[in-house]
Amino acid sequence: MENPAEAVRENPEKNTEHGDVLLKWRALERPFKERDQSWFTTVAVIVVLASFVALFLKEFLLLGVIFAITFVSYLLATKRPEMLAHTITDEGISSGDKFYSWDNLESFWFKNLAGETALVVTLRKGFPSQLFLLLGDVHEENVKQILVNHLEYVPAPEEDWMEKSAHWFSEKVGLD
């Protein structure tokens, strides 16, 4: 089957707002994994136990943090991400309804996020400082071939101790 991103690259179209389209694709806005009932039960048991410990120690702020993290985890596990249109033009990168010009972009690399390949682009200033765009069906090489003409390609940075700790914890607890 022909890659839809390659078809757009071979026949560039004119985008009057942000220049000529070099590559266009659609992908989820964030990685998503379907969770079953056992995952929710495991999380609920961990939250109840941690809450009892926080109450016993009279750490009410910690209790609030536990509930906030639980709420966000529940939302991320139940709400399916939407499909976003990503476009690379001769003037910059567009993701959804946001446009980032080449002047505001610095470098890029690729990263594996929950089993999916993502393009990570660093911004020169502003918030967020990095863009994470899932590639979906687009091949990494197609994206790299276009972006090296505009941005510096850097190897993916090594994980810091916090990321390593999170991976270790997720492997040991087995919530995935």
N, C-alpha and C. Protein backbone atom coordinates (compact mmCIF):
# COMPACT_ATOMS: atom_id res chain seq x y z
N MET A 1 0.84 -1.19 0.00
CA MET A 1 0.00 0.00 0.00
C MET A 1 0.88 1.24 0.00
N GLU A 2 0.49 2.22 -0.75
CA GLU A 2 1.27 3.45 -0.87
C GLU A 2 1.13 4.28 0.41
N ASN A 3 2.25 4.82 0.85
CA ASN A 3 2.24 5.67 2.04
C ASN A 3 1.63 7.01 1.67
N PRO A 4 0.55 7.46 2.35
CA PRO A 4 -0.09 8.72 1.98
C PRO A 4 0.84 9.92 2.12
N ALA A 5 1.79 9.86 3.04
CA ALA A 5 2.72 10.97 3.20
C ALA A 5 3.64 11.09 1.99
N GLU A 6 4.04 9.95 1.42
CA GLU A 6 4.90 9.98 0.24
C GLU A 6 4.17 10.57 -0.95
N ALA A 7 2.87 10.28 -1.06
CA ALA A 7 2.09 10.80 -2.18
C ALA A 7 2.04 12.32 -2.14
N VAL A 8 1.90 12.89 -0.97
CA VAL A 8 1.87 14.35 -0.85
C VAL A 8 3.23 14.93 -1.20
N ARG A 9 4.30 14.23 -0.82
CA ARG A 9 5.64 14.75 -1.08
C ARG A 9 5.94 14.78 -2.58
N GLU A 10 5.47 13.76 -3.31
CA GLU A 10 5.73 13.72 -4.75
C GLU A 10 4.96 14.78 -5.50
N ASN A 11 3.77 15.12 -5.02
CA ASN A 11 2.94 16.13 -5.67
C ASN A 11 2.66 17.25 -4.69
N PRO A 12 3.62 18.16 -4.46
CA PRO A 12 3.40 19.20 -3.47
C PRO A 12 2.21 20.08 -3.83
N GLU A 13 1.45 20.43 -2.81
CA GLU A 13 0.30 21.29 -3.03
C GLU A 13 0.59 22.68 -2.47
N LYS A 14 -0.16 23.63 -2.87
CA LYS A 14 0.04 25.00 -2.42
C LYS A 14 -0.84 25.26 -1.20
N ASN A 15 -0.23 25.68 -0.14
CA ASN A 15 -0.95 26.08 1.06
C ASN A 15 -0.75 27.58 1.17
N THR A 16 -1.74 28.35 0.84
CA THR A 16 -1.58 29.80 0.76
C THR A 16 -1.23 30.44 2.09
N GLU A 17 -1.63 29.80 3.20
CA GLU A 17 -1.38 30.42 4.50
C GLU A 17 0.07 30.26 4.95
N HIS A 18 0.66 29.07 4.75
CA HIS A 18 2.01 28.83 5.27
C HIS A 18 2.96 28.22 4.24
N GLY A 19 2.76 28.48 2.98
CA GLY A 19 3.71 28.04 1.95
C GLY A 19 3.36 26.70 1.33
N ASP A 20 4.33 26.16 0.57
CA ASP A 20 4.14 24.89 -0.12
C ASP A 20 4.24 23.73 0.86
N VAL A 21 3.33 22.78 0.74
CA VAL A 21 3.32 21.60 1.60
C VAL A 21 4.37 20.62 1.12
N LEU A 22 5.29 20.25 2.01
CA LEU A 22 6.34 19.28 1.67
C LEU A 22 5.95 17.88 2.13
N LEU A 23 5.26 17.79 3.27
CA LEU A 23 4.85 16.50 3.81
C LEU A 23 3.63 16.73 4.71
N LYS A 24 2.67 15.83 4.60
CA LYS A 24 1.45 15.98 5.38
C LYS A 24 1.02 14.60 5.86
N TRP A 25 0.61 14.49 7.13
CA TRP A 25 0.11 13.22 7.65
C TRP A 25 -0.83 13.47 8.81
N ARG A 26 -1.55 12.42 9.18
CA ARG A 26 -2.45 12.47 10.32
C ARG A 26 -2.01 11.40 11.31
N ALA A 27 -2.04 11.77 12.61
CA ALA A 27 -1.67 10.83 13.66
C ALA A 27 -2.38 11.22 14.95
N LEU A 28 -2.38 10.32 15.90
CA LEU A 28 -2.98 10.62 17.20
C LEU A 28 -2.21 11.74 17.89
N GLU A 29 -2.90 12.49 18.74
CA GLU A 29 -2.24 13.60 19.43
C GLU A 29 -1.31 13.12 20.55
N ARG A 30 -1.50 11.90 21.04
CA ARG A 30 -0.64 11.33 22.06
C ARG A 30 -0.75 9.81 21.99
N PRO A 31 0.25 9.09 22.52
CA PRO A 31 0.14 7.63 22.53
C PRO A 31 -1.05 7.20 23.40
N PHE A 32 -1.69 6.13 23.01
CA PHE A 32 -2.85 5.64 23.76
C PHE A 32 -2.82 4.12 23.82
N LYS A 33 -3.09 3.59 25.00
CA LYS A 33 -3.17 2.15 25.17
C LYS A 33 -4.49 1.83 25.85
N GLU A 34 -5.23 0.92 25.28
CA GLU A 34 -6.51 0.51 25.86
C GLU A 34 -6.25 -0.17 27.20
N ARG A 35 -6.96 0.24 28.24
CA ARG A 35 -6.78 -0.32 29.58
C ARG A 35 -7.96 -1.21 29.92
N ASP A 36 -7.68 -2.33 30.58
CA ASP A 36 -8.76 -3.22 30.98
C ASP A 36 -9.11 -3.01 32.45
N GLN A 37 -10.10 -3.76 32.91
CA GLN A 37 -10.59 -3.59 34.28
C GLN A 37 -9.51 -3.88 35.32
N SER A 38 -8.63 -4.82 35.04
CA SER A 38 -7.58 -5.16 36.02
C SER A 38 -6.62 -4.00 36.24
N TRP A 39 -6.36 -3.21 35.20
CA TRP A 39 -5.48 -2.06 35.36
C TRP A 39 -6.12 -1.05 36.30
N PHE A 40 -7.42 -0.75 36.11
CA PHE A 40 -8.11 0.20 36.98
C PHE A 40 -8.17 -0.32 38.41
N THR A 41 -8.37 -1.62 38.58
CA THR A 41 -8.41 -2.20 39.93
C THR A 41 -7.05 -2.07 40.60
N THR A 42 -5.99 -2.38 39.88
CA THR A 42 -4.64 -2.27 40.44
C THR A 42 -4.32 -0.84 40.86
N VAL A 43 -4.67 0.12 40.01
CA VAL A 43 -4.43 1.52 40.34
C VAL A 43 -5.25 1.93 41.56
N ALA A 44 -6.49 1.48 41.64
CA ALA A 44 -7.35 1.82 42.78
C ALA A 44 -6.76 1.28 44.08
N VAL A 45 -6.24 0.06 44.07
CA VAL A 45 -5.64 -0.53 45.28
C VAL A 45 -4.41 0.26 45.69
N ILE A 46 -3.57 0.61 44.73
CA ILE A 46 -2.37 1.39 45.05
C ILE A 46 -2.74 2.75 45.63
N VAL A 47 -3.75 3.41 45.05
CA VAL A 47 -4.19 4.73 45.51
C VAL A 47 -4.75 4.64 46.92
N VAL A 48 -5.56 3.63 47.20
CA VAL A 48 -6.14 3.48 48.54
C VAL A 48 -5.04 3.25 49.57
N LEU A 49 -4.11 2.38 49.27
CA LEU A 49 -3.00 2.12 50.21
C LEU A 49 -2.15 3.37 50.43
N ALA A 50 -1.81 4.06 49.36
CA ALA A 50 -1.00 5.28 49.49
C ALA A 50 -1.77 6.36 50.25
N SER A 51 -3.08 6.41 50.05
CA SER A 51 -3.90 7.40 50.77
C SER A 51 -3.94 7.11 52.26
N PHE A 52 -4.05 5.84 52.62
CA PHE A 52 -4.03 5.48 54.05
C PHE A 52 -2.70 5.86 54.69
N VAL A 53 -1.62 5.62 53.98
CA VAL A 53 -0.30 5.99 54.51
C VAL A 53 -0.22 7.51 54.68
N ALA A 54 -0.68 8.26 53.69
CA ALA A 54 -0.64 9.72 53.77
C ALA A 54 -1.52 10.23 54.91
N LEU A 55 -2.69 9.64 55.10
CA LEU A 55 -3.56 10.04 56.21
C LEU A 55 -2.93 9.71 57.56
N PHE A 56 -2.34 8.53 57.67
CA PHE A 56 -1.69 8.11 58.91
C PHE A 56 -0.55 9.06 59.28
N LEU A 57 0.18 9.53 58.26
CA LEU A 57 1.29 10.45 58.50
C LEU A 57 0.84 11.91 58.55
N LYS A 58 -0.46 12.13 58.37
CA LYS A 58 -1.05 13.47 58.36
C LYS A 58 -0.41 14.36 57.28
N GLU A 59 -0.16 13.75 56.14
CA GLU A 59 0.39 14.46 54.99
C GLU A 59 -0.75 14.75 54.02
N PHE A 60 -1.51 15.80 54.33
CA PHE A 60 -2.70 16.12 53.54
C PHE A 60 -2.34 16.66 52.15
N LEU A 61 -1.23 17.34 52.05
CA LEU A 61 -0.78 17.82 50.74
C LEU A 61 -0.43 16.63 49.84
N LEU A 62 0.24 15.63 50.39
CA LEU A 62 0.56 14.42 49.64
C LEU A 62 -0.72 13.72 49.21
N LEU A 63 -1.72 13.71 50.05
CA LEU A 63 -3.01 13.11 49.72
C LEU A 63 -3.64 13.82 48.52
N GLY A 64 -3.55 15.14 48.51
CA GLY A 64 -4.07 15.91 47.38
C GLY A 64 -3.32 15.59 46.09
N VAL A 65 -2.00 15.45 46.19
CA VAL A 65 -1.19 15.10 45.02
C VAL A 65 -1.56 13.71 44.50
N ILE A 66 -1.77 12.77 45.41
CA ILE A 66 -2.17 11.42 45.01
C ILE A 66 -3.48 11.45 44.25
N PHE A 67 -4.46 12.18 44.78
CA PHE A 67 -5.76 12.26 44.11
C PHE A 67 -5.65 12.99 42.76
N ALA A 68 -4.83 14.02 42.67
CA ALA A 68 -4.67 14.74 41.41
C ALA A 68 -4.04 13.83 40.35
N ILE A 69 -3.01 13.10 40.73
CA ILE A 69 -2.35 12.19 39.78
C ILE A 69 -3.31 11.08 39.36
N THR A 70 -4.10 10.59 40.30
CA THR A 70 -5.08 9.56 39.98
C THR A 70 -6.11 10.08 38.99
N PHE A 71 -6.59 11.30 39.20
CA PHE A 71 -7.58 11.89 38.31
C PHE A 71 -7.02 12.04 36.89
N VAL A 72 -5.81 12.56 36.77
CA VAL A 72 -5.19 12.73 35.45
C VAL A 72 -4.96 11.37 34.79
N SER A 73 -4.51 10.38 35.56
CA SER A 73 -4.30 9.04 35.01
C SER A 73 -5.61 8.45 34.49
N TYR A 74 -6.67 8.65 35.25
CA TYR A 74 -7.98 8.15 34.82
C TYR A 74 -8.42 8.81 33.51
N LEU A 75 -8.25 10.13 33.43
CA LEU A 75 -8.64 10.83 32.20
C LEU A 75 -7.83 10.35 31.00
N LEU A 76 -6.52 10.21 31.18
CA LEU A 76 -5.67 9.78 30.07
C LEU A 76 -5.95 8.34 29.65
N ALA A 77 -6.41 7.51 30.60
CA ALA A 77 -6.68 6.11 30.29
C ALA A 77 -8.05 5.92 29.65
N THR A 78 -8.98 6.85 29.87
CA THR A 78 -10.34 6.65 29.35
C THR A 78 -10.65 7.51 28.13
N LYS A 79 -10.06 8.67 28.01
CA LYS A 79 -10.36 9.55 26.87
C LYS A 79 -9.43 9.23 25.71
N ARG A 80 -10.02 8.82 24.61
CA ARG A 80 -9.22 8.52 23.42
C ARG A 80 -8.68 9.82 22.82
N PRO A 81 -7.42 9.80 22.39
CA PRO A 81 -6.86 11.00 21.76
C PRO A 81 -7.46 11.23 20.38
N GLU A 82 -7.49 12.47 19.97
CA GLU A 82 -8.01 12.83 18.65
C GLU A 82 -6.91 12.71 17.60
N MET A 83 -7.33 12.61 16.36
CA MET A 83 -6.40 12.61 15.25
C MET A 83 -6.04 14.07 14.93
N LEU A 84 -4.75 14.33 14.73
CA LEU A 84 -4.28 15.66 14.38
C LEU A 84 -3.63 15.61 13.00
N ALA A 85 -3.78 16.69 12.28
CA ALA A 85 -3.10 16.83 10.99
C ALA A 85 -1.77 17.54 11.23
N HIS A 86 -0.69 16.94 10.76
CA HIS A 86 0.64 17.54 10.86
C HIS A 86 1.10 17.85 9.45
N THR A 87 1.68 19.04 9.26
CA THR A 87 2.13 19.46 7.94
C THR A 87 3.50 20.11 8.05
N ILE A 88 4.40 19.71 7.17
CA ILE A 88 5.69 20.38 7.05
C ILE A 88 5.64 21.17 5.75
N THR A 89 5.85 22.47 5.86
CA THR A 89 5.84 23.33 4.67
C THR A 89 7.21 23.96 4.50
N ASP A 90 7.36 24.76 3.46
CA ASP A 90 8.64 25.43 3.25
C ASP A 90 8.82 26.60 4.22
N GLU A 91 7.81 26.89 5.04
CA GLU A 91 7.91 27.98 6.02
C GLU A 91 7.96 27.50 7.46
N GLY A 92 7.66 26.21 7.71
CA GLY A 92 7.69 25.70 9.08
C GLY A 92 6.87 24.43 9.24
N ILE A 93 6.49 24.16 10.50
CA ILE A 93 5.74 22.96 10.83
C ILE A 93 4.40 23.37 11.43
N SER A 94 3.36 22.70 10.97
CA SER A 94 2.02 22.94 11.49
C SER A 94 1.52 21.66 12.14
N SER A 95 0.97 21.79 13.35
CA SER A 95 0.40 20.66 14.06
C SER A 95 -0.95 21.08 14.60
N GLY A 96 -2.00 20.45 14.09
CA GLY A 96 -3.34 20.88 14.47
C GLY A 96 -3.57 22.29 13.96
N ASP A 97 -3.93 23.19 14.86
CA ASP A 97 -4.17 24.58 14.45
C ASP A 97 -3.01 25.50 14.83
N LYS A 98 -1.88 24.93 15.25
CA LYS A 98 -0.72 25.75 15.63
C LYS A 98 0.36 25.65 14.54
N PHE A 99 1.00 26.79 14.26
CA PHE A 99 2.06 26.84 13.27
C PHE A 99 3.34 27.32 13.93
N TYR A 100 4.46 26.66 13.62
CA TYR A 100 5.78 27.00 14.16
C TYR A 100 6.71 27.27 12.98
N SER A 101 7.18 28.51 12.86
CA SER A 101 8.06 28.86 11.74
C SER A 101 9.47 28.32 11.99
N TRP A 102 10.23 28.17 10.91
CA TRP A 102 11.60 27.64 11.01
C TRP A 102 12.45 28.52 11.93
N ASP A 103 12.17 29.83 11.98
CA ASP A 103 12.95 30.73 12.83
C ASP A 103 12.82 30.38 14.31
N ASN A 104 11.70 29.79 14.70
CA ASN A 104 11.46 29.46 16.11
C ASN A 104 11.84 28.02 16.44
N LEU A 105 12.27 27.24 15.44
CA LEU A 105 12.63 25.84 15.66
C LEU A 105 14.14 25.69 15.61
N GLU A 106 14.66 24.79 16.43
CA GLU A 106 16.12 24.67 16.55
C GLU A 106 16.67 23.36 16.03
N SER A 107 16.22 22.24 16.55
CA SER A 107 16.76 20.93 16.17
C SER A 107 15.67 19.88 16.32
N PHE A 108 15.98 18.65 15.88
CA PHE A 108 15.01 17.57 15.98
C PHE A 108 15.70 16.23 16.15
N TRP A 109 14.94 15.27 16.67
CA TRP A 109 15.36 13.88 16.75
C TRP A 109 14.10 13.03 16.84
N PHE A 110 14.28 11.72 16.86
CA PHE A 110 13.16 10.80 16.94
C PHE A 110 13.24 10.03 18.24
N LYS A 111 12.07 9.71 18.79
CA LYS A 111 12.00 9.04 20.08
C LYS A 111 10.87 8.03 20.05
N ASN A 112 11.05 6.93 20.76
CA ASN A 112 10.00 5.93 20.89
C ASN A 112 9.16 6.27 22.11
N LEU A 113 7.87 6.55 21.91
CA LEU A 113 6.95 6.86 23.00
C LEU A 113 5.87 5.78 23.04
N ALA A 114 5.92 4.95 24.06
CA ALA A 114 4.91 3.90 24.25
C ALA A 114 4.73 3.06 23.00
N GLY A 115 5.83 2.70 22.36
CA GLY A 115 5.78 1.85 21.19
C GLY A 115 5.51 2.55 19.87
N GLU A 116 5.41 3.87 19.88
CA GLU A 116 5.17 4.62 18.65
C GLU A 116 6.33 5.59 18.43
N THR A 117 6.69 5.80 17.18
CA THR A 117 7.76 6.73 16.86
C THR A 117 7.23 8.15 16.86
N ALA A 118 7.97 9.03 17.53
CA ALA A 118 7.57 10.44 17.60
C ALA A 118 8.72 11.31 17.12
N LEU A 119 8.35 12.39 16.47
CA LEU A 119 9.29 13.43 16.08
C LEU A 119 9.34 14.43 17.22
N VAL A 120 10.54 14.71 17.72
CA VAL A 120 10.71 15.69 18.79
C VAL A 120 11.46 16.87 18.21
N VAL A 121 10.84 18.05 18.29
CA VAL A 121 11.44 19.28 17.75
C VAL A 121 11.61 20.26 18.90
N THR A 122 12.83 20.79 19.07
CA THR A 122 13.06 21.77 20.13
C THR A 122 12.78 23.17 19.59
N LEU A 123 12.17 23.99 20.44
CA LEU A 123 11.86 25.37 20.10
C LEU A 123 12.92 26.28 20.69
N ARG A 124 13.22 27.36 20.03
CA ARG A 124 14.22 28.31 20.51
C ARG A 124 13.75 29.04 21.76
N LYS A 125 12.48 29.40 21.81
CA LYS A 125 11.96 30.11 22.97
C LYS A 125 10.48 29.81 23.10
N GLY A 126 9.95 30.12 24.26
CA GLY A 126 8.53 29.94 24.48
C GLY A 126 8.19 28.64 25.16
N PHE A 127 6.90 28.45 25.33
CA PHE A 127 6.39 27.25 25.96
C PHE A 127 5.40 26.61 25.02
N PRO A 128 5.45 25.36 24.75
CA PRO A 128 6.36 24.36 25.29
C PRO A 128 7.75 24.49 24.66
N SER A 129 8.72 23.87 25.28
CA SER A 129 10.08 23.96 24.74
C SER A 129 10.36 22.87 23.71
N GLN A 130 9.47 21.87 23.65
CA GLN A 130 9.61 20.80 22.67
C GLN A 130 8.25 20.43 22.10
N LEU A 131 8.24 20.07 20.83
CA LEU A 131 7.05 19.54 20.18
C LEU A 131 7.21 18.04 20.04
N PHE A 132 6.18 17.30 20.36
CA PHE A 132 6.16 15.86 20.17
C PHE A 132 5.06 15.54 19.16
N LEU A 133 5.45 15.07 17.99
CA LEU A 133 4.50 14.74 16.93
C LEU A 133 4.61 13.26 16.62
N LEU A 134 3.56 12.50 16.87
CA LEU A 134 3.57 11.09 16.52
C LEU A 134 3.58 10.97 15.00
N LEU A 135 4.33 10.00 14.50
CA LEU A 135 4.47 9.86 13.05
C LEU A 135 3.37 9.02 12.42
N GLY A 136 2.74 8.16 13.19
CA GLY A 136 1.68 7.33 12.61
C GLY A 136 2.26 6.43 11.53
N ASP A 137 1.72 6.53 10.30
CA ASP A 137 2.16 5.68 9.19
C ASP A 137 3.32 6.26 8.40
N VAL A 138 3.77 7.44 8.75
CA VAL A 138 4.85 8.09 8.00
C VAL A 138 6.18 7.47 8.42
N HIS A 139 7.04 7.27 7.45
CA HIS A 139 8.36 6.70 7.73
C HIS A 139 9.30 7.78 8.26
N GLU A 140 10.07 7.41 9.24
CA GLU A 140 11.03 8.32 9.89
C GLU A 140 11.98 8.95 8.87
N GLU A 141 12.43 8.16 7.91
CA GLU A 141 13.37 8.65 6.90
C GLU A 141 12.76 9.75 6.03
N ASN A 142 11.48 9.63 5.71
CA ASN A 142 10.82 10.67 4.89
C ASN A 142 10.83 12.01 5.61
N VAL A 143 10.55 11.98 6.90
CA VAL A 143 10.52 13.21 7.70
C VAL A 143 11.93 13.76 7.84
N LYS A 144 12.87 12.88 8.14
CA LYS A 144 14.26 13.31 8.33
C LYS A 144 14.82 13.95 7.06
N GLN A 145 14.52 13.37 5.92
CA GLN A 145 15.00 13.86 4.63
C GLN A 145 14.57 15.32 4.39
N ILE A 146 13.38 15.67 4.82
CA ILE A 146 12.88 17.04 4.63
C ILE A 146 13.43 17.98 5.70
N LEU A 147 13.41 17.53 6.96
CA LEU A 147 13.78 18.43 8.06
C LEU A 147 15.27 18.79 8.10
N VAL A 148 16.15 17.91 7.61
CA VAL A 148 17.59 18.23 7.64
C VAL A 148 17.92 19.45 6.80
N ASN A 149 17.05 19.80 5.87
CA ASN A 149 17.27 21.00 5.06
C ASN A 149 16.96 22.28 5.83
N HIS A 150 16.27 22.16 6.95
CA HIS A 150 15.83 23.34 7.70
C HIS A 150 16.31 23.36 9.15
N LEU A 151 16.49 22.18 9.74
CA LEU A 151 16.86 22.08 11.16
C LEU A 151 18.05 21.16 11.34
N GLU A 152 18.70 21.30 12.48
CA GLU A 152 19.82 20.43 12.81
C GLU A 152 19.29 19.11 13.37
N TYR A 153 19.76 18.00 12.80
CA TYR A 153 19.40 16.69 13.33
C TYR A 153 20.40 16.34 14.43
N VAL A 154 19.90 16.02 15.61
CA VAL A 154 20.76 15.62 16.73
C VAL A 154 20.34 14.23 17.19
N PRO A 155 21.28 13.44 17.67
CA PRO A 155 20.88 12.13 18.20
C PRO A 155 20.01 12.33 19.45
N ALA A 156 19.14 11.38 19.70
CA ALA A 156 18.25 11.47 20.86
C ALA A 156 19.09 11.56 22.12
N PRO A 157 18.79 12.51 23.01
CA PRO A 157 19.56 12.62 24.25
C PRO A 157 19.33 11.41 25.15
N GLU A 158 20.33 11.11 25.95
CA GLU A 158 20.20 9.99 26.89
C GLU A 158 19.16 10.33 27.95
N GLU A 159 18.51 9.29 28.44
CA GLU A 159 17.51 9.49 29.49
C GLU A 159 18.20 9.94 30.76
N ASP A 160 17.56 10.87 31.48
CA ASP A 160 18.11 11.29 32.77
C ASP A 160 17.64 10.30 33.84
N TRP A 161 18.05 10.53 35.07
CA TRP A 161 17.76 9.59 36.13
C TRP A 161 16.25 9.47 36.40
N MET A 162 15.51 10.54 36.18
CA MET A 162 14.07 10.51 36.41
C MET A 162 13.37 9.61 35.40
N GLU A 163 13.75 9.71 34.13
CA GLU A 163 13.16 8.86 33.10
C GLU A 163 13.54 7.39 33.32
N LYS A 164 14.79 7.16 33.69
CA LYS A 164 15.23 5.79 33.97
C LYS A 164 14.47 5.21 35.16
N SER A 165 14.25 6.03 36.18
CA SER A 165 13.50 5.58 37.36
C SER A 165 12.05 5.26 37.00
N ALA A 166 11.45 6.08 36.17
CA ALA A 166 10.07 5.84 35.76
C ALA A 166 9.95 4.55 34.96
N HIS A 167 10.90 4.29 34.05
CA HIS A 167 10.88 3.05 33.29
C HIS A 167 11.08 1.84 34.19
N TRP A 168 12.01 1.95 35.13
CA TRP A 168 12.26 0.86 36.06
C TRP A 168 11.00 0.57 36.87
N PHE A 169 10.35 1.63 37.38
CA PHE A 169 9.15 1.47 38.19
C PHE A 169 8.03 0.83 37.38
N SER A 170 7.84 1.26 36.14
CA SER A 170 6.76 0.71 35.33
C SER A 170 7.01 -0.75 35.00
N GLU A 171 8.28 -1.15 34.84
CA GLU A 171 8.60 -2.54 34.58
C GLU A 171 8.34 -3.39 35.82
N LYS A 172 8.72 -2.89 37.00
CA LYS A 172 8.58 -3.65 38.23
C LYS A 172 7.13 -3.76 38.68
N VAL A 173 6.37 -2.67 38.58
CA VAL A 173 4.99 -2.68 39.03
C VAL A 173 4.10 -3.35 37.99
N GLY A 174 4.43 -3.19 36.73
CA GLY A 174 3.70 -3.87 35.67
C GLY A 174 2.32 -3.30 35.40
N LEU A 175 2.17 -1.98 35.44
CA LEU A 175 0.87 -1.38 35.16
C LEU A 175 0.59 -1.27 33.67
N ASP A 176 1.55 -1.56 32.83
CA ASP A 176 1.31 -1.53 31.38
C ASP A 176 0.75 -2.82 30.98
